[in-house]
Amino acid sequence: MVSTSKIKSVDFYRKIPRDLSEASLTGAGLSIIAAFSIIFLFGMELNDYLTVTTSTSVVIDKSSDGDLLRIDFNISFPALSCEFASADVSDVLERLNVTKTVRKYSIDSNLNPAGSEFRSGPTANTIKHDEESDEEYGEGSAVLSGNFFDRISHQHDILVVNFFAPWCYWSNRLKPSWERAAKIIRERYDSEMDGRILMGKVDCTEETELCRRNHIQGYPSIRIFRKGSDVRGDHGHHNHESYYGDRDTDSLVKAMEDLVAPISLQSKRALDLPSTEIDVKRPAPLAGGCRIEVPGNLIISVHSDSHSFDITKMNMSHFVSHFSFGKKISPRVMSDVKRVLPYLGASHDCLSGSSYISNPSDSNENVTIEHYLQIVKTEVMTSSYKLVEQHEYTAHSSLVRSLDIPVAKFHFELSPMQVLITEDSKSFSHFITNVCAIIGENALLETSSSVMHSVIMSFAVTLCSTEG
């Protein structure tokens, strides 16, 4: 067996007997400094080991052609009716109308909700009109004005009104069939003897306030008012219906007959329940504004294949509540992202909370509001897996005079480059090595202090001997 004395012979750190060493104030001071130094340096080294560091590089975006980019937005238009609000998404290859996939909610001028979700419902691609002819048709509908409109609407169980503009092509196409249908309905249901239904008309170039109150933005607009239910109790918003069916004489007469039919069965009293025999009626907008939400070059405008619009009165002012690209990030993942890169996500939704106002009455007619968005894809990688993929963007906006119908445009362009952020891994062995180096430096400091103390004592003894 190997003896203990032989093992002790390989000791690199031999201990000086305590009887041969002497404590001193100098050594005590150096020991205190060394102890504080060890604690401070160890704390700095531990903090550096626990702190996450990243490296950023710019690479070519390797997204495939089949990848789809999700767009989420929530935009409020206080002066655009949900009735005609249309959303189109396009790229350099094609343009798609996505109005059927968006959700629209009526709002008032203060952006407050004015009812439940507005559903446009299906409409025919081509609305049928009577053939154009020079045949005399006479005046069959009642001319209504704002002075007695409310009184007339409460005298009849059903009041159907054509809001038109004399300059409008579609209003002029509707006029002959509207007057013929009104004459037939008046003969069948005399307004004095029967009183169940009346067909009227309003010239919106003369009765501007009346048309504004009923949120008329496209011509012609046919509204159906039912006695006792034309105004709701909450907020005073109108709760009448709109007619979107064919506009030939036979279709109009049939639609009016269907409206009257349930009233005759209930002793000439109007029912609040909508008729199930006709699917060309839908609730009219409860307010003049619209909030649009969509999961999915974005253009929001007014659109109809059978209505005309006064472009001098179109107001595309809007407030952006949310506008982002890519998948939504869960709060848990976002907390991990903030740990890796605290400032990531600052430009993920930079349009949020922005408002863009254009008032046609202030000589700002025919104003299109354009937004130019530059999108950059960012990937965050940890040492073992891809943590998150996010699309950040910058936005620049401008107001432009337009000769066409004003719109709100969101032009977006994807960068061919992407930002790659990688978490730098740190070795635990490197941390231990640095800790050992700190301890070794302390031992060296103690040895140096002992040597300095010995030199000072030797110098003092020599000096005393010389003087003696």
Protein backbone atom coordinates (compact mmCIF):
# COMPACT_ATOMS: atom_id res chain seq x y z
CA MET A 1 0.00 0.00 0.00
CA VAL A 2 1.03 3.60 -0.63
CA SER A 3 1.83 5.37 2.59
CA THR A 4 0.29 8.67 3.63
CA SER A 5 3.69 10.36 3.67
CA LYS A 6 4.29 9.50 0.02
CA ILE A 7 0.93 10.98 -0.94
CA LYS A 8 1.76 14.17 0.97
CA SER A 9 5.01 14.49 -0.97
CA VAL A 10 3.10 15.49 -4.15
CA ASP A 11 1.31 18.38 -2.37
CA PHE A 12 1.65 21.52 -4.51
CA TYR A 13 0.12 23.74 -1.87
CA ARG A 14 2.17 23.10 1.24
CA LYS A 15 0.90 24.69 4.41
CA ILE A 16 3.06 26.96 6.49
CA PRO A 17 2.80 26.16 10.20
CA ARG A 18 0.73 28.68 12.07
CA ASP A 19 3.57 29.27 14.54
CA LEU A 20 5.74 30.58 11.69
CA SER A 21 3.10 33.05 10.43
CA GLU A 22 2.04 36.33 11.98
CA ALA A 23 -1.17 38.32 11.42
CA SER A 24 -0.83 41.99 10.49
CA LEU A 25 -3.07 44.96 9.74
CA THR A 26 -1.72 45.11 6.18
CA GLY A 27 -2.62 41.48 5.57
CA ALA A 28 -6.06 41.97 7.11
CA GLY A 29 -6.75 44.92 4.81
CA LEU A 30 -5.65 42.99 1.73
CA SER A 31 -7.80 39.98 2.80
CA ILE A 32 -10.91 42.15 3.14
CA ILE A 33 -10.28 43.70 -0.29
CA ALA A 34 -9.75 40.25 -1.78
CA ALA A 35 -13.01 38.92 -0.26
CA PHE A 36 -15.09 41.80 -1.62
CA SER A 37 -13.37 41.43 -5.00
CA ILE A 38 -14.27 37.74 -5.16
CA ILE A 39 -17.92 38.44 -4.30
CA PHE A 40 -18.22 41.28 -6.83
CA LEU A 41 -16.49 39.43 -9.67
CA PHE A 42 -18.51 36.27 -9.01
CA GLY A 43 -21.76 38.26 -9.12
CA MET A 44 -20.77 39.91 -12.41
CA GLU A 45 -19.84 36.56 -13.92
CA LEU A 46 -23.11 34.94 -12.78
CA ASN A 47 -25.18 37.82 -14.18
CA ASP A 48 -23.38 37.56 -17.53
CA TYR A 49 -24.03 33.81 -17.62
CA LEU A 50 -27.76 34.23 -16.92
CA THR A 51 -28.25 37.17 -19.33
CA VAL A 52 -29.56 36.15 -22.77
CA THR A 53 -27.56 37.56 -25.66
CA THR A 54 -28.54 37.46 -29.31
CA SER A 55 -26.95 37.95 -32.68
CA THR A 56 -28.82 39.53 -35.60
CA SER A 57 -28.29 38.79 -39.27
CA VAL A 58 -30.07 39.66 -42.51
CA VAL A 59 -30.73 36.78 -44.90
CA ILE A 60 -32.80 36.09 -48.02
CA ASP A 61 -36.44 35.32 -47.23
CA LYS A 62 -36.94 31.65 -48.04
CA SER A 63 -40.76 31.67 -47.86
CA SER A 64 -42.30 29.52 -50.60
CA ASP A 65 -44.72 30.84 -53.22
CA GLY A 66 -47.55 28.85 -51.64
CA ASP A 67 -47.27 30.54 -48.25
CA LEU A 68 -50.17 32.86 -47.44
CA LEU A 69 -49.79 36.02 -45.37
CA ARG A 70 -52.57 36.60 -42.87
CA ILE A 71 -53.85 40.17 -42.44
CA ASP A 72 -55.85 41.16 -39.35
CA PHE A 73 -57.43 44.58 -39.15
CA ASN A 74 -60.15 46.49 -37.35
CA ILE A 75 -60.90 49.88 -38.96
CA SER A 76 -63.77 52.26 -38.23
CA PHE A 77 -65.29 54.55 -40.89
CA PRO A 78 -67.65 57.01 -39.17
CA ALA A 79 -69.01 58.36 -42.48
CA LEU A 80 -69.18 55.14 -44.56
CA SER A 81 -72.31 53.00 -44.42
CA CYS A 82 -71.93 49.25 -43.94
CA GLU A 83 -74.54 48.87 -46.68
CA PHE A 84 -72.03 49.65 -49.44
CA ALA A 85 -68.66 49.11 -47.69
CA SER A 86 -66.52 46.79 -49.83
CA ALA A 87 -63.10 45.27 -49.10
CA ASP A 88 -60.73 44.10 -51.86
CA VAL A 89 -57.34 42.42 -51.45
CA SER A 90 -54.98 42.32 -54.41
CA ASP A 91 -51.42 41.59 -55.42
CA VAL A 92 -49.57 41.97 -58.72
CA LEU A 93 -51.32 38.87 -60.09
CA GLU A 94 -54.96 39.19 -59.11
CA ARG A 95 -57.58 41.13 -57.16
CA LEU A 96 -60.11 39.45 -54.89
CA ASN A 97 -63.21 40.86 -53.26
CA VAL A 98 -63.27 39.63 -49.65
CA THR A 99 -66.37 41.51 -48.49
CA LYS A 100 -68.14 38.22 -47.70
CA THR A 101 -65.38 37.24 -45.26
CA VAL A 102 -65.30 40.51 -43.34
CA ARG A 103 -67.45 41.41 -40.36
CA LYS A 104 -69.18 44.79 -40.39
CA TYR A 105 -70.74 46.64 -37.46
CA SER A 106 -72.74 49.87 -37.64
CA ILE A 107 -71.25 52.71 -35.58
CA ASP A 108 -72.19 56.32 -34.95
CA SER A 109 -70.06 59.43 -35.52
CA ASN A 110 -68.34 58.87 -32.15
CA LEU A 111 -67.28 55.31 -33.12
CA ASN A 112 -69.75 53.82 -30.62
CA PRO A 113 -71.56 50.58 -31.63
CA ALA A 114 -75.04 51.22 -33.06
CA GLY A 115 -76.30 47.66 -33.18
CA SER A 116 -75.30 44.07 -33.80
CA GLU A 117 -73.28 42.81 -36.74
CA PHE A 118 -74.48 44.14 -40.11
CA ARG A 119 -75.08 41.27 -42.53
CA SER A 120 -75.17 42.19 -46.19
CA GLY A 121 -76.75 38.92 -47.28
CA PRO A 122 -76.84 37.54 -50.83
CA THR A 123 -77.75 39.80 -53.75
CA ALA A 124 -78.35 39.05 -57.38
CA ASN A 125 -75.44 39.70 -59.72
CA THR A 126 -77.73 41.59 -62.11
CA ILE A 127 -80.84 43.43 -60.92
CA LYS A 128 -83.67 43.28 -63.45
CA HIS A 129 -85.28 46.51 -64.70
CA ASP A 130 -88.10 47.22 -67.13
CA GLU A 131 -87.12 47.64 -70.75
CA GLU A 132 -86.47 51.28 -71.59
CA SER A 133 -89.31 52.78 -73.65
CA ASP A 134 -91.06 56.08 -74.37
CA GLU A 135 -94.36 54.85 -72.93
CA GLU A 136 -96.14 57.28 -70.61
CA TYR A 137 -96.28 56.05 -67.05
CA GLY A 138 -97.57 59.03 -65.02
CA GLU A 139 -96.92 59.77 -61.36
CA GLY A 140 -98.08 57.01 -59.05
CA SER A 141 -95.96 57.48 -55.91
CA ALA A 142 -96.36 60.17 -53.26
CA VAL A 143 -93.78 62.98 -53.08
CA LEU A 144 -92.46 63.13 -49.51
CA SER A 145 -90.53 65.85 -47.71
CA GLY A 146 -88.98 66.23 -44.31
CA ASN A 147 -91.84 68.43 -43.08
CA PHE A 148 -94.43 65.65 -42.97
CA PHE A 149 -92.39 62.46 -43.48
CA ASP A 150 -92.82 61.21 -39.90
CA ARG A 151 -96.54 61.95 -39.93
CA ILE A 152 -97.05 60.00 -43.19
CA SER A 153 -94.98 57.06 -41.91
CA HIS A 154 -97.27 56.74 -38.88
CA GLN A 155 -100.47 56.89 -40.95
CA HIS A 156 -99.72 53.69 -42.89
CA ASP A 157 -98.78 50.24 -41.73
CA ILE A 158 -96.18 49.99 -44.49
CA LEU A 159 -94.38 52.93 -46.10
CA VAL A 160 -91.98 52.07 -48.94
CA VAL A 161 -89.81 54.99 -50.03
CA ASN A 162 -87.53 55.43 -53.04
CA PHE A 163 -84.66 57.77 -52.11
CA PHE A 164 -83.29 58.94 -55.47
CA ALA A 165 -81.16 61.56 -57.21
CA PRO A 166 -82.25 63.04 -60.58
CA TRP A 167 -78.72 62.85 -61.99
CA CYS A 168 -78.34 59.14 -61.12
CA TYR A 169 -78.56 56.66 -64.02
CA TRP A 170 -79.96 53.86 -61.83
CA SER A 171 -82.55 56.19 -60.31
CA ASN A 172 -83.79 57.06 -63.79
CA ARG A 173 -83.88 53.36 -64.72
CA LEU A 174 -86.02 52.65 -61.65
CA LYS A 175 -88.38 55.61 -62.05
CA PRO A 176 -90.81 54.20 -64.73
CA SER A 177 -91.26 50.83 -63.01
CA TRP A 178 -91.53 52.49 -59.58
CA GLU A 179 -94.32 54.81 -60.75
CA ARG A 180 -96.18 51.99 -62.53
CA ALA A 181 -95.95 49.74 -59.47
CA ALA A 182 -97.04 52.60 -57.18
CA LYS A 183 -100.10 53.24 -59.39
CA ILE A 184 -101.08 49.55 -59.28
CA ILE A 185 -100.65 49.35 -55.50
CA ARG A 186 -102.62 52.59 -55.01
CA GLU A 187 -105.52 51.15 -57.03
CA ARG A 188 -105.50 47.89 -55.05
CA TYR A 189 -104.92 49.45 -51.62
CA ASP A 190 -106.37 52.93 -51.64
CA SER A 191 -104.43 55.10 -49.20
CA GLU A 192 -107.62 56.75 -47.92
CA MET A 193 -109.87 53.67 -47.64
CA ASP A 194 -107.30 50.97 -46.89
CA GLY A 195 -104.19 52.66 -45.53
CA ARG A 196 -102.08 49.54 -45.19
CA ILE A 197 -99.36 50.51 -47.67
CA LEU A 198 -98.08 53.61 -49.45
CA MET A 199 -95.26 53.96 -51.96
CA GLY A 200 -93.45 57.29 -51.90
CA LYS A 201 -90.30 58.98 -53.15
CA VAL A 202 -87.77 61.50 -51.84
CA ASP A 203 -85.48 63.66 -53.99
CA CYS A 204 -82.19 63.65 -52.07
CA THR A 205 -80.88 66.69 -53.96
CA GLU A 206 -83.67 68.71 -52.32
CA GLU A 207 -84.29 66.83 -49.06
CA THR A 208 -80.64 66.47 -48.03
CA GLU A 209 -81.33 66.45 -44.28
CA LEU A 210 -84.04 63.79 -44.58
CA CYS A 211 -81.71 61.58 -46.60
CA ARG A 212 -78.88 62.16 -44.14
CA ARG A 213 -81.12 61.11 -41.23
CA ASN A 214 -81.86 57.84 -43.01
CA HIS A 215 -78.17 57.25 -43.86
CA ILE A 216 -78.66 57.34 -47.64
CA GLN A 217 -75.29 57.10 -49.41
CA GLY A 218 -76.16 55.30 -52.67
CA TYR A 219 -78.92 56.00 -55.19
CA PRO A 220 -81.53 54.70 -55.51
CA SER A 221 -82.10 53.32 -52.00
CA ILE A 222 -85.46 51.71 -51.28
CA ARG A 223 -86.43 51.70 -47.60
CA ILE A 224 -89.35 49.91 -45.92
CA PHE A 225 -90.82 51.59 -42.82
CA ARG A 226 -93.25 49.74 -40.57
CA LYS A 227 -95.56 51.74 -38.32
CA GLY A 228 -94.50 51.61 -34.68
CA SER A 229 -91.11 50.06 -35.34
CA ASP A 230 -89.27 52.63 -37.45
CA VAL A 231 -87.35 53.97 -34.42
CA ARG A 232 -85.75 51.81 -31.78
CA GLY A 233 -85.84 52.63 -28.10
CA ASP A 234 -82.07 52.41 -27.58
CA HIS A 235 -80.09 55.35 -28.94
CA GLY A 236 -82.96 56.30 -31.30
CA HIS A 237 -81.44 54.50 -34.30
CA HIS A 238 -83.69 53.60 -37.23
CA ASN A 239 -84.68 49.97 -37.48
CA HIS A 240 -86.27 49.92 -40.94
CA GLU A 241 -85.41 47.58 -43.81
CA SER A 242 -83.83 47.91 -47.24
CA TYR A 243 -85.09 46.36 -50.46
CA TYR A 244 -82.43 44.81 -52.74
CA GLY A 245 -84.60 42.81 -55.14
CA ASP A 246 -85.35 43.24 -58.85
CA ARG A 247 -86.63 46.64 -59.95
CA ASP A 248 -89.02 45.76 -62.76
CA THR A 249 -92.73 46.51 -62.30
CA ASP A 250 -93.86 42.90 -61.70
CA SER A 251 -91.17 42.25 -59.06
CA LEU A 252 -91.97 45.48 -57.23
CA VAL A 253 -95.70 44.77 -57.20
CA LYS A 254 -95.11 41.22 -55.91
CA ALA A 255 -92.79 42.55 -53.18
CA MET A 256 -95.45 45.05 -52.07
CA GLU A 257 -98.13 42.34 -52.07
CA ASP A 258 -95.93 40.15 -49.87
CA LEU A 259 -95.51 43.03 -47.44
CA VAL A 260 -99.27 43.59 -47.19
CA ALA A 261 -100.27 39.91 -47.01
CA PRO A 262 -99.54 39.24 -43.30
CA ILE A 263 -101.19 42.52 -42.30
CA SER A 264 -104.52 41.52 -43.83
CA LEU A 265 -104.47 38.29 -41.82
CA GLN A 266 -104.04 40.21 -38.58
CA SER A 267 -106.93 42.64 -38.97
CA LYS A 268 -104.77 45.26 -40.69
CA ARG A 269 -102.30 45.51 -37.83
CA ALA A 270 -98.62 45.52 -38.63
CA LEU A 271 -96.43 42.78 -37.28
CA ASP A 272 -92.91 43.34 -36.09
CA LEU A 273 -91.89 39.94 -37.44
CA PRO A 274 -90.32 40.09 -40.92
CA SER A 275 -92.07 38.26 -43.75
CA THR A 276 -90.59 34.85 -44.58
CA GLU A 277 -91.96 34.90 -48.11
CA ILE A 278 -89.51 37.44 -49.42
CA ASP A 279 -85.73 37.33 -49.17
CA VAL A 280 -84.89 40.62 -50.89
CA LYS A 281 -85.34 42.68 -47.69
CA ARG A 282 -82.62 43.17 -45.12
CA PRO A 283 -82.20 45.55 -42.19
CA ALA A 284 -81.09 49.00 -43.27
CA PRO A 285 -77.93 50.48 -41.65
CA LEU A 286 -78.64 51.59 -38.09
CA ALA A 287 -76.13 54.44 -38.37
CA GLY A 288 -74.03 56.24 -40.98
CA GLY A 289 -70.69 54.70 -40.00
CA CYS A 290 -69.11 51.26 -40.24
CA ARG A 291 -66.40 49.29 -38.45
CA ILE A 292 -64.77 46.60 -40.58
CA GLU A 293 -62.87 43.59 -39.27
CA VAL A 294 -61.22 40.95 -41.42
CA PRO A 295 -58.88 38.00 -40.84
CA GLY A 296 -56.96 37.97 -44.06
CA ASN A 297 -52.78 46.01 -51.94
CA LEU A 298 -56.11 46.22 -49.42
CA ILE A 299 -58.75 48.67 -50.71
CA ILE A 300 -61.86 49.69 -48.80
CA SER A 301 -64.45 51.58 -50.85
CA VAL A 302 -68.14 51.86 -51.66
CA HIS A 303 -69.37 49.42 -54.26
CA SER A 304 -72.64 48.44 -55.88
CA ASP A 305 -73.58 47.16 -59.33
CA SER A 306 -76.94 48.95 -59.22
CA HIS A 307 -76.40 52.19 -57.28
CA SER A 308 -74.74 55.53 -57.97
CA PHE A 309 -72.74 57.61 -55.50
CA ASP A 310 -72.09 61.33 -55.13
CA ILE A 311 -68.28 61.37 -54.97
CA THR A 312 -68.23 64.94 -53.65
CA LYS A 313 -69.89 63.75 -50.45
CA MET A 314 -67.95 60.54 -49.89
CA ASN A 315 -65.89 60.72 -46.72
CA MET A 316 -63.30 57.96 -46.18
CA SER A 317 -62.09 59.20 -42.79
CA HIS A 318 -61.19 56.27 -40.57
CA PHE A 319 -59.73 55.18 -37.26
CA VAL A 320 -57.40 52.16 -37.12
CA SER A 321 -57.90 50.04 -34.01
CA HIS A 322 -55.73 47.17 -35.21
CA PHE A 323 -53.70 46.32 -38.30
CA SER A 324 -51.17 43.50 -38.31
CA PHE A 325 -49.67 40.80 -40.50
CA GLY A 326 -48.98 37.15 -39.74
CA LYS A 327 -50.27 34.81 -37.08
CA LYS A 328 -51.33 36.08 -33.69
CA ILE A 329 -48.79 35.42 -30.93
CA SER A 330 -50.03 33.94 -27.67
CA PRO A 331 -49.19 35.79 -24.43
CA ARG A 332 -47.01 32.88 -23.24
CA VAL A 333 -44.93 32.89 -26.39
CA MET A 334 -44.72 36.68 -26.32
CA SER A 335 -43.31 36.56 -22.78
CA ASP A 336 -40.58 34.19 -24.01
CA VAL A 337 -39.90 36.52 -26.92
CA LYS A 338 -39.53 39.49 -24.57
CA ARG A 339 -37.02 37.46 -22.57
CA VAL A 340 -34.91 36.89 -25.67
CA LEU A 341 -35.44 40.29 -27.29
CA PRO A 342 -37.22 42.93 -25.18
CA TYR A 343 -37.88 45.40 -28.00
CA LEU A 344 -39.32 42.92 -30.51
CA GLY A 345 -42.94 43.64 -31.43
CA ALA A 346 -42.75 47.43 -31.19
CA SER A 347 -43.58 47.73 -34.92
CA HIS A 348 -45.95 44.76 -35.15
CA ASP A 349 -49.03 47.01 -35.07
CA CYS A 350 -47.69 50.53 -35.58
CA LEU A 351 -50.93 51.85 -37.18
CA SER A 352 -52.95 51.01 -34.08
CA GLY A 353 -54.64 54.04 -32.53
CA SER A 354 -54.12 56.27 -35.59
CA SER A 355 -56.90 58.38 -37.09
CA TYR A 356 -57.08 59.90 -40.58
CA ILE A 357 -59.69 62.60 -41.07
CA SER A 358 -60.96 64.17 -44.27
CA ASN A 359 -63.97 66.50 -44.23
CA PRO A 360 -65.64 67.09 -47.63
CA SER A 361 -67.26 70.28 -46.31
CA ASP A 362 -63.80 71.82 -45.77
CA SER A 363 -62.88 71.83 -49.47
CA ASN A 364 -61.44 68.33 -49.13
CA GLU A 365 -63.71 66.68 -51.69
CA ASN A 366 -62.73 63.48 -53.52
CA VAL A 367 -59.95 62.65 -51.06
CA THR A 368 -58.41 59.19 -51.12
CA ILE A 369 -56.41 58.21 -48.03
CA GLU A 370 -53.40 56.03 -48.86
CA HIS A 371 -51.12 54.08 -46.54
CA TYR A 372 -47.78 52.65 -47.72
CA LEU A 373 -46.55 49.73 -45.62
CA GLN A 374 -43.10 48.13 -45.84
CA ILE A 375 -43.16 44.66 -44.24
CA VAL A 376 -40.13 42.77 -42.94
CA LYS A 377 -40.30 39.20 -41.72
CA THR A 378 -38.46 38.49 -38.45
CA GLU A 379 -37.63 35.05 -37.07
CA VAL A 380 -36.43 34.50 -33.51
CA MET A 381 -34.44 31.29 -32.94
CA THR A 382 -33.40 29.83 -29.62
CA SER A 383 -30.51 27.42 -29.33
CA SER A 384 -32.78 24.44 -30.07
CA TYR A 385 -35.92 25.59 -31.97
CA LYS A 386 -37.70 28.48 -33.76
CA LEU A 387 -39.47 30.47 -31.07
CA VAL A 388 -41.59 32.83 -33.17
CA GLU A 389 -42.13 34.27 -36.65
CA GLN A 390 -43.34 37.84 -36.78
CA HIS A 391 -43.98 40.46 -39.46
CA GLU A 392 -43.14 44.05 -38.51
CA TYR A 393 -43.74 47.05 -40.74
CA THR A 394 -43.31 50.77 -41.19
CA ALA A 395 -46.18 52.97 -42.36
CA HIS A 396 -46.38 56.26 -44.27
CA SER A 397 -49.76 57.86 -45.00
CA SER A 398 -50.99 60.63 -47.26
CA LEU A 399 -54.22 62.29 -48.49
CA VAL A 400 -54.57 62.42 -52.27
CA ARG A 401 -57.17 64.15 -54.47
CA SER A 402 -58.92 61.63 -56.70
CA LEU A 403 -61.05 61.95 -59.84
CA ASP A 404 -62.78 58.65 -59.05
CA ILE A 405 -64.74 57.50 -56.02
CA PRO A 406 -62.59 58.10 -52.92
CA VAL A 407 -61.22 54.98 -51.24
CA ALA A 408 -58.96 53.97 -48.36
CA LYS A 409 -55.90 52.16 -49.72
CA PHE A 410 -53.38 50.08 -47.81
CA HIS A 411 -50.45 49.34 -50.13
CA PHE A 412 -48.13 46.76 -48.61
CA GLU A 413 -44.82 45.49 -49.96
CA LEU A 414 -42.94 42.50 -48.59
CA SER A 415 -39.17 42.81 -48.31
CA PRO A 416 -37.13 40.08 -50.08
CA MET A 417 -34.87 40.04 -47.02
CA GLN A 418 -35.69 38.81 -43.54
CA VAL A 419 -34.16 39.44 -40.13
CA LEU A 420 -32.86 36.37 -38.30
CA ILE A 421 -32.33 36.77 -34.54
CA THR A 422 -30.48 33.88 -32.89
CA GLU A 423 -29.97 33.28 -29.19
CA ASP A 424 -26.27 32.82 -28.36
CA SER A 425 -25.71 29.76 -26.21
CA LYS A 426 -23.30 29.94 -23.26
CA SER A 427 -21.23 27.03 -21.98
CA PHE A 428 -21.48 26.10 -18.31
CA SER A 429 -17.85 24.91 -18.38
CA HIS A 430 -16.80 28.40 -19.50
CA PHE A 431 -18.66 29.84 -16.50
CA ILE A 432 -16.90 27.41 -14.09
CA THR A 433 -13.52 28.23 -15.65
CA ASN A 434 -14.06 31.94 -15.07
CA VAL A 435 -15.12 31.32 -11.46
CA CYS A 436 -11.93 29.28 -10.87
CA ALA A 437 -9.89 32.08 -12.42
CA ILE A 438 -11.41 34.54 -9.96
CA ILE A 439 -10.51 32.28 -7.02
CA GLY A 440 -7.00 31.78 -8.40
CA GLU A 441 -6.49 35.51 -8.70
CA ASN A 442 -7.45 35.82 -5.02
CA ALA A 443 -4.89 33.16 -4.03
CA LEU A 444 -2.26 35.00 -6.04
CA LEU A 445 -3.19 38.21 -4.28
CA GLU A 446 -2.79 36.54 -0.86
CA THR A 447 0.62 35.12 -1.86
CA SER A 448 1.71 38.50 -3.11
CA SER A 449 0.63 40.11 0.15
CA SER A 450 2.67 37.55 2.13
CA VAL A 451 5.76 38.20 0.01
CA MET A 452 5.35 41.95 0.39
CA HIS A 453 4.96 41.54 4.15
CA SER A 454 8.17 39.43 4.34
CA VAL A 455 10.12 41.96 2.28
CA ILE A 456 8.95 44.81 4.50
CA MET A 457 9.92 42.92 7.69
CA SER A 458 13.34 41.98 6.31
CA PHE A 459 13.99 45.58 5.32
CA ALA A 460 13.00 46.73 8.80
CA VAL A 461 15.35 44.22 10.52
CA THR A 462 18.25 45.20 8.27
CA LEU A 463 17.68 48.86 8.96
CA CYS A 464 17.67 48.27 12.73
CA SER A 465 20.90 46.24 12.54
CA THR A 466 22.63 48.99 10.60
CA GLU A 467 21.70 51.63 13.11
CA GLY A 468 22.84 49.44 15.98
